[in-house]
Amino acid sequence: MSGAIARATGVESHRAALVLGSGLSGLARSLTGGEPVPFGAIEGMPTSTVQGHEGAVYSGDVGGTRTLVFAGRVHLYEGRAPGEVVRPVELAIEAGCDTIVLTNAAGAIDDSLEIGAPCLVSDHLNLTGRNPLRGPHDGRGPRFLDLSETYDAELRARARAVDPALHEGVYAGLPGPTYETPAEVRMLAALGADLVGMSTVLEAIMARYLGARVLGISVVTNLAAGLGAEPLSHDEVADAGRRAAARLEALLRGVLGGLSR
């Protein structure tokens, strides 16, 4: 078998890949019914060091669609380079995935968003100061990538058909690891952001560069700094992600299962 994912999972190819964000790793086994393959057992795969990110890959059928599920990811704030952050996406597309679903835990800047609910990402603001395509052009995609539709409209429509109550929003990706100050949240609101987090944007750029379709789903875990009464904590974020698991699992099954038809 060729390819690091194929060798690690024993499966020649996959149709879709799913990246699970903070507090969401527990969905991997229930979605696929598979067994974990640690990130460290996959050639070229960076390992996660963050609580709430299992750091394993699962392979299985989700509604008839052969799906690769990454239970966790790596982040810029762990000291990782952009190329390491996007490596799982590259490996997934190398394994045959033409659809990439990126989930994350996010703070709500728009205070009308429901805490503990999934929210579709309609667009993003890359405020990390990094871009995985910076450097010599490798020829795998266009030198100057059009990002006018980073998050696929058809996949978002499919998601709304599964869960009509879903909201959409613009996700601001920052490098972390600190949460934003209230002044920064006000700035983000003025820029048009509805959600804020520390992942996703670099992965989405690489997926589009390599020709895959992207669906972004944020689990709204808390109000952003200055909008709520309590200080922010990672435990709160992870707990909210776990509470959202049932609704998110139903959404993911509906979206990924639909790809097989």
Protein backbone atom coordinates (compact mmCIF):
# COMPACT_ATOMS: atom_id res chain seq x y z
CA MET A 1 0.00 0.00 0.00
CA SER A 2 1.25 3.46 -0.84
CA GLY A 3 0.82 6.45 1.43
CA ALA A 4 1.35 6.89 5.16
CA ILE A 5 -2.36 6.72 6.03
CA ALA A 6 -2.93 3.58 3.95
CA ARG A 7 0.02 1.84 5.59
CA ALA A 8 -1.09 2.84 9.10
CA THR A 9 -4.79 1.97 8.70
CA GLY A 10 -4.59 -0.92 6.26
CA VAL A 11 -7.15 0.82 4.05
CA GLU A 12 -6.09 1.79 0.54
CA SER A 13 -8.24 4.92 0.19
CA HIS A 14 -10.81 7.10 1.96
CA ARG A 15 -13.48 9.43 0.60
CA ALA A 16 -13.73 11.99 3.41
CA ALA A 17 -11.68 13.22 6.35
CA LEU A 18 -12.94 14.73 9.59
CA VAL A 19 -10.79 16.70 12.03
CA LEU A 20 -12.23 16.84 15.57
CA GLY A 21 -11.46 19.89 17.71
CA SER A 22 -11.15 20.45 21.46
CA GLY A 23 -13.36 18.18 23.55
CA LEU A 24 -14.68 16.33 20.50
CA SER A 25 -12.24 13.41 20.22
CA GLY A 26 -14.74 11.02 21.82
CA LEU A 27 -16.84 11.13 18.66
CA ALA A 28 -14.18 9.34 16.62
CA ARG A 29 -14.85 5.83 17.88
CA SER A 30 -18.65 6.17 17.89
CA LEU A 31 -18.67 7.50 14.32
CA THR A 32 -16.36 4.90 12.80
CA GLY A 33 -16.52 1.89 15.11
CA GLY A 34 -12.78 1.65 14.52
CA GLU A 35 -9.72 1.40 16.69
CA PRO A 36 -7.26 4.27 17.21
CA VAL A 37 -4.00 4.56 15.34
CA PRO A 38 -1.78 6.96 17.34
CA PHE A 39 -0.48 9.96 15.44
CA GLY A 40 3.02 8.82 16.29
CA ALA A 41 2.50 5.58 14.34
CA ILE A 42 1.88 7.48 11.09
CA GLU A 43 4.93 8.54 9.13
CA GLY A 44 5.19 12.33 8.94
CA MET A 45 2.28 12.96 11.33
CA PRO A 46 2.93 15.50 14.12
CA THR A 47 1.71 14.57 17.60
CA SER A 48 -0.67 16.66 19.68
CA THR A 49 0.22 17.85 23.18
CA VAL A 50 -3.09 19.50 24.12
CA GLN A 51 -5.63 18.25 26.67
CA GLY A 52 -8.86 17.27 24.92
CA HIS A 53 -7.04 16.16 21.74
CA GLU A 54 -6.60 12.38 21.77
CA GLY A 55 -3.96 12.37 19.06
CA ALA A 56 -5.16 9.36 17.08
CA VAL A 57 -6.67 8.51 13.69
CA TYR A 58 -9.72 6.29 13.18
CA SER A 59 -10.85 4.69 9.93
CA GLY A 60 -14.37 3.44 9.22
CA ASP A 61 -17.61 3.81 7.30
CA VAL A 62 -19.86 6.70 8.31
CA GLY A 63 -23.22 6.17 6.64
CA GLY A 64 -21.53 4.18 3.89
CA THR A 65 -18.77 6.74 3.27
CA ARG A 66 -15.24 5.57 4.00
CA THR A 67 -14.04 8.23 6.42
CA LEU A 68 -10.78 9.08 8.11
CA VAL A 69 -11.28 10.73 11.50
CA PHE A 70 -8.52 12.69 13.21
CA ALA A 71 -9.24 12.76 16.94
CA GLY A 72 -7.41 16.00 17.63
CA ARG A 73 -4.98 18.26 15.78
CA VAL A 74 -1.83 20.28 16.33
CA HIS A 75 -1.74 24.07 16.65
CA LEU A 76 0.59 26.97 16.02
CA TYR A 77 0.62 27.73 19.76
CA GLU A 78 2.27 24.36 20.45
CA GLY A 79 5.28 25.72 18.62
CA ARG A 80 4.35 23.97 15.39
CA ALA A 81 5.17 25.41 11.99
CA PRO A 82 2.31 25.98 9.51
CA GLY A 83 3.47 22.97 7.50
CA GLU A 84 3.05 20.74 10.55
CA VAL A 85 -0.40 22.17 11.33
CA VAL A 86 -1.68 21.28 7.85
CA ARG A 87 0.11 17.95 7.52
CA PRO A 88 -2.98 15.87 8.50
CA VAL A 89 -4.95 17.52 5.69
CA GLU A 90 -2.18 16.76 3.21
CA LEU A 91 -2.04 13.13 4.33
CA ALA A 92 -5.83 12.80 4.11
CA ILE A 93 -5.95 14.13 0.57
CA GLU A 94 -3.03 11.88 -0.35
CA ALA A 95 -5.21 9.02 0.97
CA GLY A 96 -7.97 9.91 -1.50
CA CYS A 97 -10.15 12.28 0.53
CA ASP A 98 -11.90 14.88 -1.62
CA THR A 99 -13.98 16.29 1.24
CA ILE A 100 -12.48 17.70 4.44
CA VAL A 101 -14.67 18.51 7.45
CA LEU A 102 -12.93 20.75 9.99
CA THR A 103 -14.49 21.13 13.43
CA ASN A 104 -13.35 23.35 16.27
CA ALA A 105 -14.34 24.79 19.60
CA ALA A 106 -15.01 28.51 19.29
CA GLY A 107 -15.97 31.52 21.35
CA ALA A 108 -19.06 33.44 20.28
CA ILE A 109 -18.54 37.07 19.33
CA ASP A 110 -22.12 37.26 18.09
CA ASP A 111 -23.97 36.86 21.39
CA SER A 112 -27.07 35.55 19.62
CA LEU A 113 -25.28 32.27 18.87
CA GLU A 114 -26.37 29.34 21.03
CA ILE A 115 -23.77 28.12 23.51
CA GLY A 116 -23.20 24.38 23.14
CA ALA A 117 -24.51 24.26 19.58
CA PRO A 118 -22.73 23.67 16.27
CA CYS A 119 -22.44 26.62 13.90
CA LEU A 120 -21.42 26.44 10.24
CA VAL A 121 -18.38 28.43 9.18
CA SER A 122 -19.33 30.54 6.16
CA ASP A 123 -15.97 32.31 5.81
CA HIS A 124 -12.89 33.11 7.85
CA LEU A 125 -10.43 35.80 8.85
CA ASN A 126 -6.88 34.45 8.93
CA LEU A 127 -5.34 36.55 11.71
CA THR A 128 -2.61 34.06 12.59
CA GLY A 129 0.03 35.95 10.62
CA ARG A 130 0.89 32.64 8.91
CA ASN A 131 0.01 30.96 5.63
CA PRO A 132 0.90 27.35 4.77
CA LEU A 133 1.48 28.29 1.12
CA ARG A 134 4.21 30.84 1.87
CA GLY A 135 7.56 29.89 0.37
CA PRO A 136 8.63 28.27 -2.88
CA HIS A 137 5.69 27.15 -5.02
CA ASP A 138 5.48 23.34 -5.05
CA GLY A 139 3.16 23.15 -8.06
CA ARG A 140 0.45 21.04 -6.42
CA GLY A 141 -2.05 23.88 -6.71
CA PRO A 142 -2.23 27.47 -7.94
CA ARG A 143 0.48 29.92 -6.87
CA PHE A 144 -2.23 32.51 -6.09
CA LEU A 145 -5.16 30.63 -4.59
CA ASP A 146 -8.72 31.98 -4.91
CA LEU A 147 -10.42 31.77 -1.49
CA SER A 148 -13.70 33.41 -2.48
CA GLU A 149 -15.53 30.19 -1.52
CA THR A 150 -13.30 28.48 0.99
CA TYR A 151 -16.22 26.73 2.73
CA ASP A 152 -18.28 24.79 0.22
CA ALA A 153 -21.83 26.09 -0.32
CA GLU A 154 -23.22 22.67 -1.28
CA LEU A 155 -21.82 21.05 1.86
CA ARG A 156 -23.28 23.84 4.00
CA ALA A 157 -26.66 23.33 2.33
CA ARG A 158 -26.39 19.59 3.02
CA ALA A 159 -25.65 20.36 6.68
CA ARG A 160 -28.67 22.67 6.96
CA ALA A 161 -30.86 19.95 5.43
CA VAL A 162 -29.73 17.63 8.23
CA ASP A 163 -30.10 20.27 10.98
CA PRO A 164 -32.28 23.22 9.86
CA ALA A 165 -31.63 25.10 13.12
CA LEU A 166 -27.95 25.64 12.31
CA HIS A 167 -26.58 29.18 12.25
CA GLU A 168 -23.68 30.36 10.10
CA GLY A 169 -20.85 32.72 10.97
CA VAL A 170 -17.44 34.10 10.07
CA TYR A 171 -14.63 32.45 12.04
CA ALA A 172 -11.59 34.46 13.11
CA GLY A 173 -8.49 32.30 13.49
CA LEU A 174 -5.86 33.63 15.91
CA PRO A 175 -2.55 31.99 16.90
CA GLY A 176 -3.22 31.61 20.66
CA PRO A 177 -2.60 30.25 23.21
CA THR A 178 -4.02 33.19 25.18
CA TYR A 179 -7.69 33.94 24.91
CA GLU A 180 -8.52 37.31 23.40
CA THR A 181 -8.83 40.47 25.45
CA PRO A 182 -12.19 42.26 25.53
CA ALA A 183 -10.67 44.99 23.34
CA GLU A 184 -9.56 42.37 20.80
CA VAL A 185 -13.06 40.88 20.78
CA ARG A 186 -14.51 44.30 20.03
CA MET A 187 -11.97 44.66 17.21
CA LEU A 188 -12.94 41.25 15.80
CA ALA A 189 -16.61 42.19 15.89
CA ALA A 190 -15.83 45.37 13.96
CA LEU A 191 -13.96 43.25 11.38
CA GLY A 192 -17.05 41.10 10.85
CA ALA A 193 -16.20 38.01 12.90
CA ASP A 194 -18.93 36.00 14.63
CA LEU A 195 -16.68 33.28 16.10
CA VAL A 196 -13.10 33.13 17.31
CA GLY A 197 -10.68 30.26 17.81
CA MET A 198 -7.10 29.04 17.39
CA SER A 199 -7.27 26.56 14.51
CA THR A 200 -8.95 25.66 11.20
CA VAL A 201 -7.92 28.53 8.91
CA LEU A 202 -4.55 27.11 7.84
CA GLU A 203 -6.04 23.65 7.32
CA ALA A 204 -8.83 25.09 5.18
CA ILE A 205 -6.34 26.96 3.01
CA MET A 206 -4.28 23.82 2.38
CA ALA A 207 -7.36 21.72 1.63
CA ARG A 208 -8.55 24.22 -0.98
CA TYR A 209 -5.06 24.49 -2.44
CA LEU A 210 -5.05 20.73 -2.99
CA GLY A 211 -8.52 20.77 -4.54
CA ALA A 212 -10.65 19.34 -1.73
CA ARG A 213 -14.02 20.68 -0.66
CA VAL A 214 -14.19 22.05 2.89
CA LEU A 215 -16.96 22.13 5.48
CA GLY A 216 -16.23 24.06 8.68
CA ILE A 217 -18.23 23.50 11.85
CA SER A 218 -17.60 25.41 15.09
CA VAL A 219 -19.02 24.19 18.39
CA VAL A 220 -19.86 27.37 20.28
CA THR A 221 -18.40 26.71 23.71
CA ASN A 222 -18.54 30.11 25.42
CA LEU A 223 -19.06 33.81 24.96
CA ALA A 224 -15.87 35.57 23.91
CA ALA A 225 -13.95 37.64 26.47
CA GLY A 226 -15.85 40.63 27.77
CA LEU A 227 -19.26 39.27 26.73
CA GLY A 228 -19.75 36.86 29.64
CA ALA A 229 -19.51 37.20 33.39
CA GLU A 230 -16.92 34.46 34.02
CA PRO A 231 -13.23 34.14 33.04
CA LEU A 232 -12.51 31.75 30.17
CA SER A 233 -10.89 28.36 30.74
CA HIS A 234 -9.86 25.41 28.57
CA ASP A 235 -11.83 23.04 30.82
CA GLU A 236 -14.99 25.00 30.05
CA VAL A 237 -14.27 24.78 26.33
CA ALA A 238 -13.65 21.01 26.42
CA ASP A 239 -16.73 20.36 28.59
CA ALA A 240 -18.98 22.33 26.23
CA GLY A 241 -17.61 20.33 23.30
CA ARG A 242 -18.48 17.08 25.02
CA ARG A 243 -22.00 18.31 25.81
CA ALA A 244 -22.55 19.13 22.14
CA ALA A 245 -21.46 15.66 21.03
CA ALA A 246 -24.89 14.10 20.37
CA ARG A 247 -26.15 16.89 18.10
CA LEU A 248 -22.80 17.14 16.33
CA GLU A 249 -22.64 13.38 15.78
CA ALA A 250 -26.09 13.40 14.15
CA LEU A 251 -25.02 16.29 11.93
CA LEU A 252 -21.77 14.61 10.89
CA ARG A 253 -23.49 11.29 10.17
CA GLY A 254 -26.01 13.06 7.99
CA VAL A 255 -23.45 15.08 6.05
CA LEU A 256 -20.83 12.34 5.61
CA GLY A 257 -23.38 9.62 4.93
CA GLY A 258 -24.84 11.74 2.16
CA LEU A 259 -21.55 11.70 0.29
CA SER A 260 -22.04 8.03 -0.55
CA ARG A 261 -25.25 8.74 -2.48
